[in-house]
Amino acid sequence: MKIARLLVAVVIAFAFNAGLARAKIPVPPMDDAAKLKAEETKAKAAEAAKKETEQLAKAQDRVVERYKKVQGKAAPATSAPAKPAKR
């Protein structure tokens, strides 16, 4: 008797989950206002990404210039590295 109830419960649970897996909420169609807002958001995101890229490039240039100044004052450049001795 317990096995039969368990089996029925499993079958009902499986059927319920299978029905939920197939159910999909339809996507509402976009009206003109929603399309316009989406385009504006996309344009703002692209502009922000461009601005961030420019700021990153400027920061990298500053770091390179600082590195060149420090390396130029710290030690003169050598022409070739020393070759290791053969054993």
N, C-alpha and C. Protein backbone atom coordinates (compact mmCIF):
# COMPACT_ATOMS: atom_id res chain seq x y z
N MET A 1 0.83 -1.18 0.00
CA MET A 1 0.00 0.00 0.00
C MET A 1 0.87 1.26 0.00
N LYS A 2 1.95 1.23 0.79
CA LYS A 2 2.84 2.39 0.85
C LYS A 2 3.56 2.57 -0.48
N ILE A 3 3.91 1.48 -1.10
CA ILE A 3 4.63 1.55 -2.38
C ILE A 3 3.70 2.13 -3.46
N ALA A 4 2.44 1.75 -3.43
CA ALA A 4 1.49 2.26 -4.41
C ALA A 4 1.31 3.77 -4.26
N ARG A 5 1.22 4.26 -3.02
CA ARG A 5 1.07 5.70 -2.78
C ARG A 5 2.33 6.45 -3.23
N LEU A 6 3.47 5.87 -2.93
CA LEU A 6 4.73 6.48 -3.33
C LEU A 6 4.83 6.55 -4.86
N LEU A 7 4.43 5.48 -5.52
CA LEU A 7 4.46 5.43 -6.98
C LEU A 7 3.51 6.48 -7.57
N VAL A 8 2.33 6.61 -7.01
CA VAL A 8 1.37 7.61 -7.49
C VAL A 8 1.93 9.02 -7.28
N ALA A 9 2.55 9.25 -6.14
CA ALA A 9 3.12 10.57 -5.85
C ALA A 9 4.24 10.90 -6.83
N VAL A 10 5.06 9.92 -7.14
CA VAL A 10 6.15 10.13 -8.08
C VAL A 10 5.61 10.43 -9.48
N VAL A 11 4.60 9.68 -9.90
CA VAL A 11 4.00 9.90 -11.22
C VAL A 11 3.38 11.28 -11.31
N ILE A 12 2.69 11.70 -10.27
CA ILE A 12 2.06 13.03 -10.26
C ILE A 12 3.14 14.12 -10.28
N ALA A 13 4.18 13.94 -9.49
CA ALA A 13 5.27 14.93 -9.47
C ALA A 13 5.94 15.01 -10.84
N PHE A 14 6.17 13.88 -11.46
CA PHE A 14 6.80 13.86 -12.79
C PHE A 14 5.91 14.56 -13.81
N ALA A 15 4.64 14.28 -13.79
CA ALA A 15 3.71 14.89 -14.74
C ALA A 15 3.64 16.41 -14.53
N PHE A 16 3.64 16.83 -13.28
CA PHE A 16 3.59 18.25 -12.98
C PHE A 16 4.84 18.96 -13.48
N ASN A 17 6.00 18.37 -13.22
CA ASN A 17 7.27 18.98 -13.66
C ASN A 17 7.39 18.97 -15.18
N ALA A 18 6.92 17.93 -15.83
CA ALA A 18 6.99 17.88 -17.28
C ALA A 18 6.12 18.97 -17.89
N GLY A 19 4.99 19.23 -17.30
CA GLY A 19 4.12 20.31 -17.78
C GLY A 19 4.75 21.67 -17.59
N LEU A 20 5.44 21.87 -16.47
CA LEU A 20 6.10 23.15 -16.24
C LEU A 20 7.28 23.36 -17.18
N ALA A 21 7.95 22.28 -17.52
CA ALA A 21 9.10 22.40 -18.40
C ALA A 21 8.68 22.85 -19.79
N ARG A 22 7.51 22.49 -20.22
CA ARG A 22 7.04 22.87 -21.55
C ARG A 22 6.43 24.27 -21.57
N ALA A 23 5.93 24.71 -20.43
CA ALA A 23 5.24 26.00 -20.38
C ALA A 23 6.25 27.12 -20.54
N LYS A 24 6.00 28.01 -21.48
CA LYS A 24 6.86 29.16 -21.71
C LYS A 24 5.98 30.40 -21.73
N ILE A 25 6.50 31.42 -21.12
CA ILE A 25 5.78 32.68 -21.13
C ILE A 25 6.12 33.39 -22.43
N PRO A 26 5.12 33.76 -23.19
CA PRO A 26 5.42 34.42 -24.47
C PRO A 26 6.02 35.81 -24.24
N VAL A 27 6.93 36.18 -25.10
CA VAL A 27 7.56 37.49 -25.01
C VAL A 27 6.60 38.52 -25.59
N PRO A 28 6.29 39.56 -24.82
CA PRO A 28 5.37 40.57 -25.35
C PRO A 28 6.05 41.33 -26.49
N PRO A 29 5.32 41.66 -27.52
CA PRO A 29 5.92 42.40 -28.62
C PRO A 29 6.31 43.81 -28.17
N MET A 30 7.42 44.29 -28.71
CA MET A 30 7.90 45.61 -28.32
C MET A 30 7.17 46.68 -29.12
N ASP A 31 6.71 47.69 -28.41
CA ASP A 31 6.09 48.80 -29.11
C ASP A 31 7.18 49.82 -29.49
N ASP A 32 6.80 50.88 -30.14
CA ASP A 32 7.78 51.85 -30.64
C ASP A 32 8.54 52.52 -29.50
N ALA A 33 7.86 52.81 -28.41
CA ALA A 33 8.52 53.47 -27.27
C ALA A 33 9.57 52.55 -26.66
N ALA A 34 9.26 51.28 -26.54
CA ALA A 34 10.21 50.33 -25.97
C ALA A 34 11.41 50.15 -26.89
N LYS A 35 11.17 50.13 -28.20
CA LYS A 35 12.27 50.00 -29.15
C LYS A 35 13.18 51.23 -29.08
N LEU A 36 12.60 52.39 -28.98
CA LEU A 36 13.37 53.63 -28.89
C LEU A 36 14.21 53.64 -27.62
N LYS A 37 13.60 53.24 -26.53
CA LYS A 37 14.32 53.20 -25.25
C LYS A 37 15.48 52.20 -25.31
N ALA A 38 15.24 51.05 -25.93
CA ALA A 38 16.31 50.05 -26.06
C ALA A 38 17.46 50.58 -26.91
N GLU A 39 17.15 51.29 -27.98
CA GLU A 39 18.20 51.87 -28.83
C GLU A 39 18.99 52.93 -28.08
N GLU A 40 18.30 53.76 -27.28
CA GLU A 40 18.98 54.78 -26.49
C GLU A 40 19.91 54.14 -25.46
N THR A 41 19.44 53.10 -24.82
CA THR A 41 20.26 52.39 -23.84
C THR A 41 21.48 51.79 -24.50
N LYS A 42 21.30 51.21 -25.66
CA LYS A 42 22.41 50.61 -26.40
C LYS A 42 23.43 51.68 -26.81
N ALA A 43 22.94 52.83 -27.25
CA ALA A 43 23.84 53.92 -27.64
C ALA A 43 24.62 54.45 -26.44
N LYS A 44 23.94 54.59 -25.30
CA LYS A 44 24.63 55.06 -24.09
C LYS A 44 25.70 54.08 -23.65
N ALA A 45 25.40 52.79 -23.73
CA ALA A 45 26.37 51.77 -23.34
C ALA A 45 27.58 51.80 -24.27
N ALA A 46 27.35 51.99 -25.56
CA ALA A 46 28.45 52.06 -26.51
C ALA A 46 29.32 53.29 -26.26
N GLU A 47 28.67 54.41 -25.96
CA GLU A 47 29.41 55.63 -25.67
C GLU A 47 30.24 55.49 -24.40
N ALA A 48 29.67 54.87 -23.39
CA ALA A 48 30.41 54.66 -22.13
C ALA A 48 31.59 53.73 -22.35
N ALA A 49 31.41 52.70 -23.16
CA ALA A 49 32.51 51.78 -23.45
C ALA A 49 33.63 52.49 -24.20
N LYS A 50 33.27 53.35 -25.14
CA LYS A 50 34.27 54.11 -25.90
C LYS A 50 35.04 55.04 -24.97
N LYS A 51 34.32 55.69 -24.07
CA LYS A 51 34.96 56.61 -23.13
C LYS A 51 35.92 55.86 -22.20
N GLU A 52 35.50 54.70 -21.72
CA GLU A 52 36.36 53.89 -20.85
C GLU A 52 37.61 53.44 -21.59
N THR A 53 37.46 53.09 -22.86
CA THR A 53 38.61 52.66 -23.66
C THR A 53 39.60 53.80 -23.83
N GLU A 54 39.10 55.00 -24.08
CA GLU A 54 39.98 56.16 -24.22
C GLU A 54 40.71 56.46 -22.90
N GLN A 55 40.00 56.38 -21.80
CA GLN A 55 40.62 56.64 -20.49
C GLN A 55 41.69 55.58 -20.19
N LEU A 56 41.42 54.33 -20.54
CA LEU A 56 42.40 53.27 -20.32
C LEU A 56 43.66 53.53 -21.16
N ALA A 57 43.48 53.93 -22.40
CA ALA A 57 44.62 54.21 -23.27
C ALA A 57 45.46 55.36 -22.71
N LYS A 58 44.81 56.40 -22.21
CA LYS A 58 45.54 57.53 -21.62
C LYS A 58 46.31 57.08 -20.39
N ALA A 59 45.69 56.28 -19.56
CA ALA A 59 46.35 55.80 -18.35
C ALA A 59 47.56 54.93 -18.70
N GLN A 60 47.40 54.08 -19.71
CA GLN A 60 48.52 53.24 -20.13
C GLN A 60 49.67 54.08 -20.68
N ASP A 61 49.34 55.13 -21.43
CA ASP A 61 50.38 56.02 -21.95
C ASP A 61 51.13 56.71 -20.82
N ARG A 62 50.41 57.15 -19.79
CA ARG A 62 51.07 57.79 -18.64
C ARG A 62 52.01 56.82 -17.94
N VAL A 63 51.58 55.58 -17.79
CA VAL A 63 52.41 54.59 -17.13
C VAL A 63 53.67 54.32 -17.95
N VAL A 64 53.54 54.22 -19.26
CA VAL A 64 54.69 53.98 -20.12
C VAL A 64 55.68 55.13 -20.03
N GLU A 65 55.19 56.35 -20.06
CA GLU A 65 56.07 57.52 -19.96
C GLU A 65 56.80 57.53 -18.63
N ARG A 66 56.10 57.24 -17.54
CA ARG A 66 56.73 57.21 -16.22
C ARG A 66 57.78 56.11 -16.16
N TYR A 67 57.48 54.96 -16.74
CA TYR A 67 58.43 53.84 -16.75
C TYR A 67 59.69 54.22 -17.52
N LYS A 68 59.50 54.89 -18.66
CA LYS A 68 60.65 55.28 -19.47
C LYS A 68 61.52 56.29 -18.72
N LYS A 69 60.91 57.23 -17.99
CA LYS A 69 61.67 58.20 -17.23
C LYS A 69 62.48 57.52 -16.13
N VAL A 70 61.83 56.62 -15.40
CA VAL A 70 62.51 55.95 -14.29
C VAL A 70 63.62 55.06 -14.81
N GLN A 71 63.40 54.32 -15.85
CA GLN A 71 64.41 53.42 -16.39
C GLN A 71 65.57 54.20 -17.02
N GLY A 72 65.28 55.33 -17.59
CA GLY A 72 66.33 56.14 -18.19
C GLY A 72 67.26 56.73 -17.16
N LYS A 73 66.75 57.13 -16.01
CA LYS A 73 67.56 57.72 -14.95
C LYS A 73 68.25 56.65 -14.10
N ALA A 74 67.63 55.50 -13.94
CA ALA A 74 68.14 54.49 -13.03
C ALA A 74 69.40 53.81 -13.56
N ALA A 75 69.39 53.33 -14.77
CA ALA A 75 70.54 52.62 -15.29
C ALA A 75 70.57 52.78 -16.80
N PRO A 76 71.78 52.95 -17.34
CA PRO A 76 71.86 53.05 -18.80
C PRO A 76 71.59 51.69 -19.43
N ALA A 77 71.09 51.71 -20.62
CA ALA A 77 70.76 50.46 -21.31
C ALA A 77 72.05 49.77 -21.73
N THR A 78 72.07 48.47 -21.59
CA THR A 78 73.24 47.68 -22.02
C THR A 78 73.03 47.22 -23.45
N SER A 79 74.13 47.00 -24.14
CA SER A 79 74.02 46.65 -25.55
C SER A 79 73.60 45.20 -25.73
N ALA A 80 74.18 44.27 -24.94
CA ALA A 80 73.82 42.86 -25.09
C ALA A 80 73.96 42.17 -23.74
N PRO A 81 73.13 41.20 -23.46
CA PRO A 81 73.26 40.50 -22.19
C PRO A 81 74.49 39.59 -22.20
N ALA A 82 75.05 39.36 -21.02
CA ALA A 82 76.23 38.52 -20.89
C ALA A 82 75.86 37.07 -21.22
N LYS A 83 76.79 36.39 -21.93
CA LYS A 83 76.53 34.99 -22.29
C LYS A 83 76.96 34.10 -21.13
N PRO A 84 76.17 33.08 -20.83
CA PRO A 84 76.57 32.17 -19.75
C PRO A 84 77.78 31.33 -20.16
N ALA A 85 78.61 30.99 -19.17
CA ALA A 85 79.81 30.19 -19.42
C ALA A 85 79.40 28.73 -19.68
N LYS A 86 80.16 28.09 -20.58
CA LYS A 86 79.87 26.68 -20.87
C LYS A 86 80.47 25.81 -19.79
N ARG A 87 79.85 24.71 -19.53
CA ARG A 87 80.34 23.78 -18.51
C ARG A 87 80.99 22.60 -19.11
